[in-house]
PDB file of N, CA and C in Angstrom:
ATOM      1  N   MET A   1     -22.118   5.744  -8.674  1.00  0.00           N
ATOM      2  CA  MET A   1     -21.554   4.805  -9.616  1.00  0.00           C
ATOM      3  C   MET A   1     -20.495   3.968  -8.897  1.00  0.00           C
ATOM      4  N   ARG A   2     -20.488   2.693  -9.178  1.00  0.00           N
ATOM      5  CA  ARG A   2     -19.499   1.789  -8.588  1.00  0.00           C
ATOM      6  C   ARG A   2     -18.429   1.495  -9.634  1.00  0.00           C
ATOM      7  N   PHE A   3     -17.166   1.446  -9.164  1.00  0.00           N
ATOM      8  CA  PHE A   3     -16.088   1.145 -10.104  1.00  0.00           C
ATOM      9  C   PHE A   3     -14.954   0.428  -9.382  1.00  0.00           C
ATOM     10  N   GLY A   4     -14.091  -0.191 -10.163  1.00  0.00           N
ATOM     11  CA  GLY A   4     -12.935  -0.896  -9.636  1.00  0.00           C
ATOM     12  C   GLY A   4     -11.720  -0.620 -10.495  1.00  0.00           C
ATOM     13  N   VAL A   5     -10.598  -1.158 -10.059  1.00  0.00           N
ATOM     14  CA  VAL A   5      -9.329  -0.957 -10.756  1.00  0.00           C
ATOM     15  C   VAL A   5      -8.721  -2.322 -11.043  1.00  0.00           C
ATOM     16  N   ILE A   6      -8.203  -2.494 -12.263  1.00  0.00           N
ATOM     17  CA  ILE A   6      -7.466  -3.703 -12.629  1.00  0.00           C
ATOM     18  C   ILE A   6      -6.002  -3.323 -12.741  1.00  0.00           C
ATOM     19  N   TYR A   7      -5.159  -4.022 -11.987  1.00  0.00           N
ATOM     20  CA  TYR A   7      -3.729  -3.691 -11.937  1.00  0.00           C
ATOM     21  C   TYR A   7      -2.917  -4.776 -12.642  1.00  0.00           C
ATOM     22  N   PRO A   8      -2.196  -4.436 -13.714  1.00  0.00           N
ATOM     23  CA  PRO A   8      -1.352  -5.406 -14.411  1.00  0.00           C
ATOM     24  C   PRO A   8      -0.006  -5.543 -13.701  1.00  0.00           C
ATOM     25  N   ALA A   9       0.172  -6.559 -12.910  1.00  0.00           N
ATOM     26  CA  ALA A   9       1.368  -6.711 -12.073  1.00  0.00           C
ATOM     27  C   ALA A   9       2.529  -7.349 -12.835  1.00  0.00           C
ATOM     28  N   TYR A  10       2.884  -6.764 -13.959  1.00  0.00           N
ATOM     29  CA  TYR A  10       4.006  -7.270 -14.753  1.00  0.00           C
ATOM     30  C   TYR A  10       4.770  -6.091 -15.345  1.00  0.00           C
ATOM     31  N   GLY A  11       5.967  -6.376 -15.857  1.00  0.00           N
ATOM     32  CA  GLY A  11       6.784  -5.339 -16.500  1.00  0.00           C
ATOM     33  C   GLY A  11       7.101  -4.206 -15.540  1.00  0.00           C
ATOM     34  N   GLU A  12       6.914  -2.983 -15.991  1.00  0.00           N
ATOM     35  CA  GLU A  12       7.241  -1.824 -15.153  1.00  0.00           C
ATOM     36  C   GLU A  12       6.306  -1.699 -13.947  1.00  0.00           C
ATOM     37  N   HIS A  13       5.193  -2.417 -13.961  1.00  0.00           N
ATOM     38  CA  HIS A  13       4.243  -2.383 -12.843  1.00  0.00           C
ATOM     39  C   HIS A  13       4.518  -3.479 -11.818  1.00  0.00           C
ATOM     40  N   ALA A  14       5.529  -4.300 -12.042  1.00  0.00           N
ATOM     41  CA  ALA A  14       5.871  -5.389 -11.117  1.00  0.00           C
ATOM     42  C   ALA A  14       6.649  -4.840  -9.930  1.00  0.00           C
ATOM     43  N   ASP A  15       6.025  -3.943  -9.208  1.00  0.00           N
ATOM     44  CA  ASP A  15       6.637  -3.278  -8.058  1.00  0.00           C
ATOM     45  C   ASP A  15       5.599  -3.242  -6.933  1.00  0.00           C
ATOM     46  N   PRO A  16       5.828  -3.986  -5.849  1.00  0.00           N
ATOM     47  CA  PRO A  16       4.852  -4.026  -4.759  1.00  0.00           C
ATOM     48  C   PRO A  16       4.542  -2.647  -4.180  1.00  0.00           C
ATOM     49  N   SER A  17       5.524  -1.772  -4.108  1.00  0.00           N
ATOM     50  CA  SER A  17       5.295  -0.424  -3.571  1.00  0.00           C
ATOM     51  C   SER A  17       4.344   0.368  -4.470  1.00  0.00           C
ATOM     52  N   LEU A  18       4.516   0.245  -5.779  1.00  0.00           N
ATOM     53  CA  LEU A  18       3.630   0.922  -6.723  1.00  0.00           C
ATOM     54  C   LEU A  18       2.215   0.348  -6.625  1.00  0.00           C
ATOM     55  N   ALA A  19       2.110  -0.974  -6.531  1.00  0.00           N
ATOM     56  CA  ALA A  19       0.796  -1.607  -6.401  1.00  0.00           C
ATOM     57  C   ALA A  19       0.095  -1.148  -5.127  1.00  0.00           C
ATOM     58  N   ALA A  20       0.833  -1.052  -4.025  1.00  0.00           N
ATOM     59  CA  ALA A  20       0.250  -0.595  -2.760  1.00  0.00           C
ATOM     60  C   ALA A  20      -0.221   0.851  -2.882  1.00  0.00           C
ATOM     61  N   TRP A  21       0.584   1.694  -3.513  1.00  0.00           N
ATOM     62  CA  TRP A  21       0.182   3.091  -3.708  1.00  0.00           C
ATOM     63  C   TRP A  21      -1.094   3.165  -4.552  1.00  0.00           C
ATOM     64  N   MET A  22      -1.127   2.374  -5.625  1.00  0.00           N
ATOM     65  CA  MET A  22      -2.302   2.367  -6.503  1.00  0.00           C
ATOM     66  C   MET A  22      -3.549   1.879  -5.760  1.00  0.00           C
ATOM     67  N   ALA A  23      -3.401   0.830  -4.962  1.00  0.00           N
ATOM     68  CA  ALA A  23      -4.544   0.295  -4.212  1.00  0.00           C
ATOM     69  C   ALA A  23      -5.046   1.306  -3.183  1.00  0.00           C
ATOM     70  N   ARG A  24      -4.131   1.957  -2.472  1.00  0.00           N
ATOM     71  CA  ARG A  24      -4.539   2.976  -1.492  1.00  0.00           C
ATOM     72  C   ARG A  24      -5.202   4.167  -2.193  1.00  0.00           C
ATOM     73  N   GLU A  25      -4.668   4.549  -3.337  1.00  0.00           N
ATOM     74  CA  GLU A  25      -5.246   5.664  -4.093  1.00  0.00           C
ATOM     75  C   GLU A  25      -6.631   5.295  -4.624  1.00  0.00           C
ATOM     76  N   ALA A  26      -6.773   4.081  -5.122  1.00  0.00           N
ATOM     77  CA  ALA A  26      -8.085   3.619  -5.589  1.00  0.00           C
ATOM     78  C   ALA A  26      -9.083   3.613  -4.431  1.00  0.00           C
ATOM     79  N   GLU A  27      -8.636   3.152  -3.282  1.00  0.00           N
ATOM     80  CA  GLU A  27      -9.485   3.134  -2.089  1.00  0.00           C
ATOM     81  C   GLU A  27      -9.891   4.557  -1.691  1.00  0.00           C
ATOM     82  N   ARG A  28      -8.929   5.458  -1.695  1.00  0.00           N
ATOM     83  CA  ARG A  28      -9.184   6.851  -1.323  1.00  0.00           C
ATOM     84  C   ARG A  28     -10.191   7.514  -2.267  1.00  0.00           C
ATOM     85  N   ARG A  29     -10.142   7.127  -3.531  1.00  0.00           N
ATOM     86  CA  ARG A  29     -11.026   7.728  -4.533  1.00  0.00           C
ATOM     87  C   ARG A  29     -12.375   7.011  -4.665  1.00  0.00           C
ATOM     88  N   GLY A  30     -12.594   6.015  -3.811  1.00  0.00           N
ATOM     89  CA  GLY A  30     -13.903   5.374  -3.765  1.00  0.00           C
ATOM     90  C   GLY A  30     -14.087   4.111  -4.579  1.00  0.00           C
ATOM     91  N   ALA A  31     -13.008   3.531  -5.088  1.00  0.00           N
ATOM     92  CA  ALA A  31     -13.142   2.282  -5.839  1.00  0.00           C
ATOM     93  C   ALA A  31     -13.649   1.177  -4.911  1.00  0.00           C
ATOM     94  N   GLU A  32     -14.461   0.313  -5.454  1.00  0.00           N
ATOM     95  CA  GLU A  32     -15.023  -0.781  -4.671  1.00  0.00           C
ATOM     96  C   GLU A  32     -14.088  -1.990  -4.622  1.00  0.00           C
ATOM     97  N   VAL A  33     -13.343  -2.213  -5.720  1.00  0.00           N
ATOM     98  CA  VAL A  33     -12.515  -3.412  -5.817  1.00  0.00           C
ATOM     99  C   VAL A  33     -11.199  -3.086  -6.523  1.00  0.00           C
ATOM    100  N   PHE A  34     -10.141  -3.789  -6.126  1.00  0.00           N
ATOM    101  CA  PHE A  34      -8.820  -3.672  -6.748  1.00  0.00           C
ATOM    102  C   PHE A  34      -8.416  -5.087  -7.157  1.00  0.00           C
ATOM    103  N   LEU A  35      -8.302  -5.315  -8.460  1.00  0.00           N
ATOM    104  CA  LEU A  35      -7.999  -6.646  -8.984  1.00  0.00           C
ATOM    105  C   LEU A  35      -6.600  -6.674  -9.597  1.00  0.00           C
ATOM    106  N   VAL A  36      -5.908  -7.799  -9.439  1.00  0.00           N
ATOM    107  CA  VAL A  36      -4.593  -7.975 -10.059  1.00  0.00           C
ATOM    108  C   VAL A  36      -4.653  -9.160 -11.020  1.00  0.00           C
ATOM    109  N   TRP A  37      -3.785  -9.144 -12.008  1.00  0.00           N
ATOM    110  CA  TRP A  37      -3.693 -10.254 -12.960  1.00  0.00           C
ATOM    111  C   TRP A  37      -3.088 -11.454 -12.271  1.00  0.00           C
ATOM    112  N   ASP A  38      -3.569 -12.639 -12.603  1.00  0.00           N
ATOM    113  CA  ASP A  38      -2.985 -13.869 -12.070  1.00  0.00           C
ATOM    114  C   ASP A  38      -2.416 -14.702 -13.210  1.00  0.00           C
ATOM    115  N   HIS A  39      -1.511 -14.101 -13.947  1.00  0.00           N
ATOM    116  CA  HIS A  39      -0.804 -14.811 -15.017  1.00  0.00           C
ATOM    117  C   HIS A  39       0.678 -14.678 -14.712  1.00  0.00           C
ATOM    118  N   PHE A  40       1.286 -15.784 -14.311  1.00  0.00           N
ATOM    119  CA  PHE A  40       2.671 -15.716 -13.858  1.00  0.00           C
ATOM    120  C   PHE A  40       3.658 -15.565 -15.013  1.00  0.00           C
ATOM    121  N   LEU A  41       3.400 -16.194 -16.134  1.00  0.00           N
ATOM    122  CA  LEU A  41       4.276 -16.076 -17.303  1.00  0.00           C
ATOM    123  C   LEU A  41       3.456 -15.523 -18.458  1.00  0.00           C
ATOM    124  N   LEU A  42       3.841 -14.367 -18.933  1.00  0.00           N
ATOM    125  CA  LEU A  42       3.106 -13.724 -20.016  1.00  0.00           C
ATOM    126  C   LEU A  42       3.922 -13.779 -21.301  1.00  0.00           C
ATOM    127  N   PRO A  43       3.284 -14.091 -22.422  1.00  0.00           N
ATOM    128  CA  PRO A  43       4.013 -14.312 -23.677  1.00  0.00           C
ATOM    129  C   PRO A  43       4.319 -13.040 -24.467  1.00  0.00           C
ATOM    130  N   PHE A  44       4.634 -11.950 -23.791  1.00  0.00           N
ATOM    131  CA  PHE A  44       4.998 -10.737 -24.504  1.00  0.00           C
ATOM    132  C   PHE A  44       6.030  -9.964 -23.702  1.00  0.00           C
ATOM    133  N   GLU A  45       6.613  -8.959 -24.323  1.00  0.00           N
ATOM    134  CA  GLU A  45       7.684  -8.188 -23.695  1.00  0.00           C
ATOM    135  C   GLU A  45       7.222  -7.583 -22.373  1.00  0.00           C
ATOM    136  N   GLY A  46       8.035  -7.737 -21.343  1.00  0.00           N
ATOM    137  CA  GLY A  46       7.690  -7.269 -20.011  1.00  0.00           C
ATOM    138  C   GLY A  46       7.066  -8.366 -19.163  1.00  0.00           C
ATOM    139  N   GLY A  47       6.596  -9.432 -19.812  1.00  0.00           N
ATOM    140  CA  GLY A  47       5.953 -10.528 -19.103  1.00  0.00           C
ATOM    141  C   GLY A  47       6.889 -11.390 -18.292  1.00  0.00           C
ATOM    142  N   GLU A  48       8.184 -11.252 -18.534  1.00  0.00           N
ATOM    143  CA  GLU A  48       9.144 -12.061 -17.766  1.00  0.00           C
ATOM    144  C   GLU A  48       9.305 -11.553 -16.336  1.00  0.00           C
ATOM    145  N   ARG A  49       8.885 -10.330 -16.077  1.00  0.00           N
ATOM    146  CA  ARG A  49       8.950  -9.751 -14.731  1.00  0.00           C
ATOM    147  C   ARG A  49       7.518  -9.603 -14.222  1.00  0.00           C
ATOM    148  N   THR A  50       7.075 -10.567 -13.426  1.00  0.00           N
ATOM    149  CA  THR A  50       5.689 -10.621 -12.990  1.00  0.00           C
ATOM    150  C   THR A  50       5.616 -10.915 -11.499  1.00  0.00           C
ATOM    151  N   LEU A  51       4.696 -10.263 -10.805  1.00  0.00           N
ATOM    152  CA  LEU A  51       4.460 -10.542  -9.387  1.00  0.00           C
ATOM    153  C   LEU A  51       3.426 -11.650  -9.257  1.00  0.00           C
ATOM    154  N   GLU A  52       3.627 -12.551  -8.315  1.00  0.00           N
ATOM    155  CA  GLU A  52       2.671 -13.626  -8.050  1.00  0.00           C
ATOM    156  C   GLU A  52       1.438 -13.002  -7.394  1.00  0.00           C
ATOM    157  N   ALA A  53       0.259 -13.261  -7.937  1.00  0.00           N
ATOM    158  CA  ALA A  53      -0.971 -12.564  -7.563  1.00  0.00           C
ATOM    159  C   ALA A  53      -1.348 -12.720  -6.090  1.00  0.00           C
ATOM    160  N   TYR A  54      -1.343 -13.924  -5.565  1.00  0.00           N
ATOM    161  CA  TYR A  54      -1.832 -14.127  -4.199  1.00  0.00           C
ATOM    162  C   TYR A  54      -0.856 -13.582  -3.152  1.00  0.00           C
ATOM    163  N   THR A  55       0.413 -13.611  -3.455  1.00  0.00           N
ATOM    164  CA  THR A  55       1.394 -12.986  -2.563  1.00  0.00           C
ATOM    165  C   THR A  55       1.192 -11.476  -2.557  1.00  0.00           C
ATOM    166  N   LEU A  56       0.979 -10.904  -3.738  1.00  0.00           N
ATOM    167  CA  LEU A  56       0.729  -9.473  -3.847  1.00  0.00           C
ATOM    168  C   LEU A  56      -0.562  -9.089  -3.124  1.00  0.00           C
ATOM    169  N   LEU A  57      -1.610  -9.885  -3.272  1.00  0.00           N
ATOM    170  CA  LEU A  57      -2.874  -9.581  -2.588  1.00  0.00           C
ATOM    171  C   LEU A  57      -2.711  -9.615  -1.073  1.00  0.00           C
ATOM    172  N   SER A  58      -1.922 -10.541  -0.575  1.00  0.00           N
ATOM    173  CA  SER A  58      -1.658 -10.600   0.871  1.00  0.00           C
ATOM    174  C   SER A  58      -0.956  -9.332   1.332  1.00  0.00           C
ATOM    175  N   TYR A  59       0.015  -8.891   0.559  1.00  0.00           N
ATOM    176  CA  TYR A  59       0.731  -7.658   0.864  1.00  0.00           C
ATOM    177  C   TYR A  59      -0.219  -6.461   0.849  1.00  0.00           C
ATOM    178  N   LEU A  60      -1.069  -6.393  -0.179  1.00  0.00           N
ATOM    179  CA  LEU A  60      -2.004  -5.277  -0.306  1.00  0.00           C
ATOM    180  C   LEU A  60      -3.035  -5.274   0.818  1.00  0.00           C
ATOM    181  N   ALA A  61      -3.412  -6.436   1.307  1.00  0.00           N
ATOM    182  CA  ALA A  61      -4.371  -6.511   2.414  1.00  0.00           C
ATOM    183  C   ALA A  61      -3.826  -5.813   3.652  1.00  0.00           C
ATOM    184  N   GLY A  62      -2.525  -5.854   3.842  1.00  0.00           N
ATOM    185  CA  GLY A  62      -1.909  -5.171   4.973  1.00  0.00           C
ATOM    186  C   GLY A  62      -1.709  -3.683   4.747  1.00  0.00           C
ATOM    187  N   LYS A  63      -1.863  -3.236   3.512  1.00  0.00           N
ATOM    188  CA  LYS A  63      -1.639  -1.827   3.168  1.00  0.00           C
ATOM    189  C   LYS A  63      -2.928  -1.047   2.929  1.00  0.00           C
ATOM    190  N   THR A  64      -4.065  -1.739   2.872  1.00  0.00           N
ATOM    191  CA  THR A  64      -5.345  -1.081   2.630  1.00  0.00           C
ATOM    192  C   THR A  64      -6.277  -1.334   3.805  1.00  0.00           C
ATOM    193  N   GLU A  65      -7.417  -0.634   3.812  1.00  0.00           N
ATOM    194  CA  GLU A  65      -8.342  -0.777   4.932  1.00  0.00           C
ATOM    195  C   GLU A  65      -9.664  -1.424   4.562  1.00  0.00           C
ATOM    196  N   ARG A  66     -10.286  -1.006   3.467  1.00  0.00           N
ATOM    197  CA  ARG A  66     -11.634  -1.494   3.193  1.00  0.00           C
ATOM    198  C   ARG A  66     -11.890  -1.926   1.750  1.00  0.00           C
ATOM    199  N   ILE A  67     -11.025  -1.630   0.825  1.00  0.00           N
ATOM    200  CA  ILE A  67     -11.254  -2.004  -0.567  1.00  0.00           C
ATOM    201  C   ILE A  67     -11.204  -3.526  -0.707  1.00  0.00           C
ATOM    202  N   ARG A  68     -12.070  -4.066  -1.555  1.00  0.00           N
ATOM    203  CA  ARG A  68     -12.071  -5.502  -1.797  1.00  0.00           C
ATOM    204  C   ARG A  68     -10.936  -5.843  -2.756  1.00  0.00           C
ATOM    205  N   LEU A  69     -10.256  -6.949  -2.500  1.00  0.00           N
ATOM    206  CA  LEU A  69      -9.110  -7.365  -3.303  1.00  0.00           C
ATOM    207  C   LEU A  69      -9.419  -8.700  -3.980  1.00  0.00           C
ATOM    208  N   GLY A  70      -8.881  -8.892  -5.186  1.00  0.00           N
ATOM    209  CA  GLY A  70      -9.089 -10.155  -5.876  1.00  0.00           C
ATOM    210  C   GLY A  70      -8.256 -10.251  -7.133  1.00  0.00           C
ATOM    211  N   THR A  71      -8.445 -11.344  -7.868  1.00  0.00           N
ATOM    212  CA  THR A  71      -7.744 -11.534  -9.138  1.00  0.00           C
ATOM    213  C   THR A  71      -8.740 -11.394 -10.282  1.00  0.00           C
ATOM    214  N   CYS A  72      -8.225 -11.010 -11.444  1.00  0.00           N
ATOM    215  CA  CYS A  72      -9.079 -10.927 -12.638  1.00  0.00           C
ATOM    216  C   CYS A  72      -9.385 -12.326 -13.156  1.00  0.00           C
ATOM    217  N   VAL A  73      -8.356 -13.133 -13.272  1.00  0.00           N
ATOM    218  CA  VAL A  73      -8.472 -14.484 -13.801  1.00  0.00           C
ATOM    219  C   VAL A  73      -7.530 -15.370 -13.009  1.00  0.00           C
ATOM    220  N   THR A  74      -7.982 -16.539 -12.630  1.00  0.00           N
ATOM    221  CA  THR A  74      -7.106 -17.512 -11.994  1.00  0.00           C
ATOM    222  C   THR A  74      -7.102 -18.758 -12.863  1.00  0.00           C
ATOM    223  N   PRO A  75      -6.023 -18.967 -13.631  1.00  0.00           N
ATOM    224  CA  PRO A  75      -5.952 -20.170 -14.458  1.00  0.00           C
ATOM    225  C   PRO A  75      -5.730 -21.385 -13.559  1.00  0.00           C
ATOM    226  N   CYS A  76      -6.752 -22.197 -13.392  1.00  0.00           N
ATOM    227  CA  CYS A  76      -6.711 -23.319 -12.445  1.00  0.00           C
ATOM    228  C   CYS A  76      -5.545 -24.290 -12.637  1.00  0.00           C
ATOM    229  N   PRO A  77      -5.162 -24.648 -13.859  1.00  0.00           N
ATOM    230  CA  PRO A  77      -4.057 -25.598 -13.999  1.00  0.00           C
ATOM    231  C   PRO A  77      -2.714 -25.079 -13.491  1.00  0.00           C
ATOM    232  N   SER A  78      -2.580 -23.765 -13.262  1.00  0.00           N
ATOM    233  CA  SER A  78      -1.280 -23.229 -12.882  1.00  0.00           C
ATOM    234  C   SER A  78      -1.096 -23.135 -11.371  1.00  0.00           C
ATOM    235  N   GLY A  79      -2.043 -23.572 -10.595  1.00  0.00           N
ATOM    236  CA  GLY A  79      -1.904 -23.443  -9.149  1.00  0.00           C
ATOM    237  C   GLY A  79      -2.418 -24.661  -8.412  1.00  0.00           C
ATOM    238  N   ILE A  80      -2.172 -24.675  -7.129  1.00  0.00           N
ATOM    239  CA  ILE A  80      -2.642 -25.757  -6.271  1.00  0.00           C
ATOM    240  C   ILE A  80      -3.832 -25.208  -5.482  1.00  0.00           C
ATOM    241  N   PRO A  81      -5.052 -25.693  -5.740  1.00  0.00           N
ATOM    242  CA  PRO A  81      -6.242 -25.114  -5.104  1.00  0.00           C
ATOM    243  C   PRO A  81      -6.190 -25.066  -3.586  1.00  0.00           C
ATOM    244  N   CYS A  82      -5.566 -26.032  -2.944  1.00  0.00           N
ATOM    245  CA  CYS A  82      -5.538 -26.019  -1.476  1.00  0.00           C
ATOM    246  C   CYS A  82      -4.709 -24.861  -0.938  1.00  0.00           C
ATOM    247  N   CYS A  83      -3.893 -24.242  -1.773  1.00  0.00           N
ATOM    248  CA  CYS A  83      -3.071 -23.113  -1.337  1.00  0.00           C
ATOM    249  C   CYS A  83      -3.726 -21.774  -1.612  1.00  0.00           C
ATOM    250  N   TRP A  84      -4.866 -21.746  -2.309  1.00  0.00           N
ATOM    251  CA  TRP A  84      -5.553 -20.492  -2.583  1.00  0.00           C
ATOM    252  C   TRP A  84      -6.223 -19.991  -1.320  1.00  0.00           C
ATOM    253  N   PRO A  85      -6.201 -18.699  -1.074  1.00  0.00           N
ATOM    254  CA  PRO A  85      -6.881 -18.154   0.117  1.00  0.00           C
ATOM    255  C   PRO A  85      -8.383 -18.337  -0.007  1.00  0.00           C
ATOM    256  N   ARG A  86      -9.024 -18.417   1.127  1.00  0.00           N
ATOM    257  CA  ARG A  86     -10.497 -18.590   1.136  1.00  0.00           C
ATOM    258  C   ARG A  86     -11.177 -17.293   1.379  1.00  0.00           C
TER     259      ARG A  86
END
């Protein structure tokens, strides 16, 4: 069976060290993909503390070995496409 993990990088989860631990643990347990939310401002409690998705993914790439990394949703109007990783 193939599975992945979705990580909500806001509120109490807006901690790069916790995200790295979760990604390594998901990798160790056989997850195929580790996805993070790409919503910088969330309209509910805890949403004011949010990690920027692509910066977090870059950090996680240096902390993991083989798990695929990505975003769940990328709202196009909120970013500059030329700055998105390829």
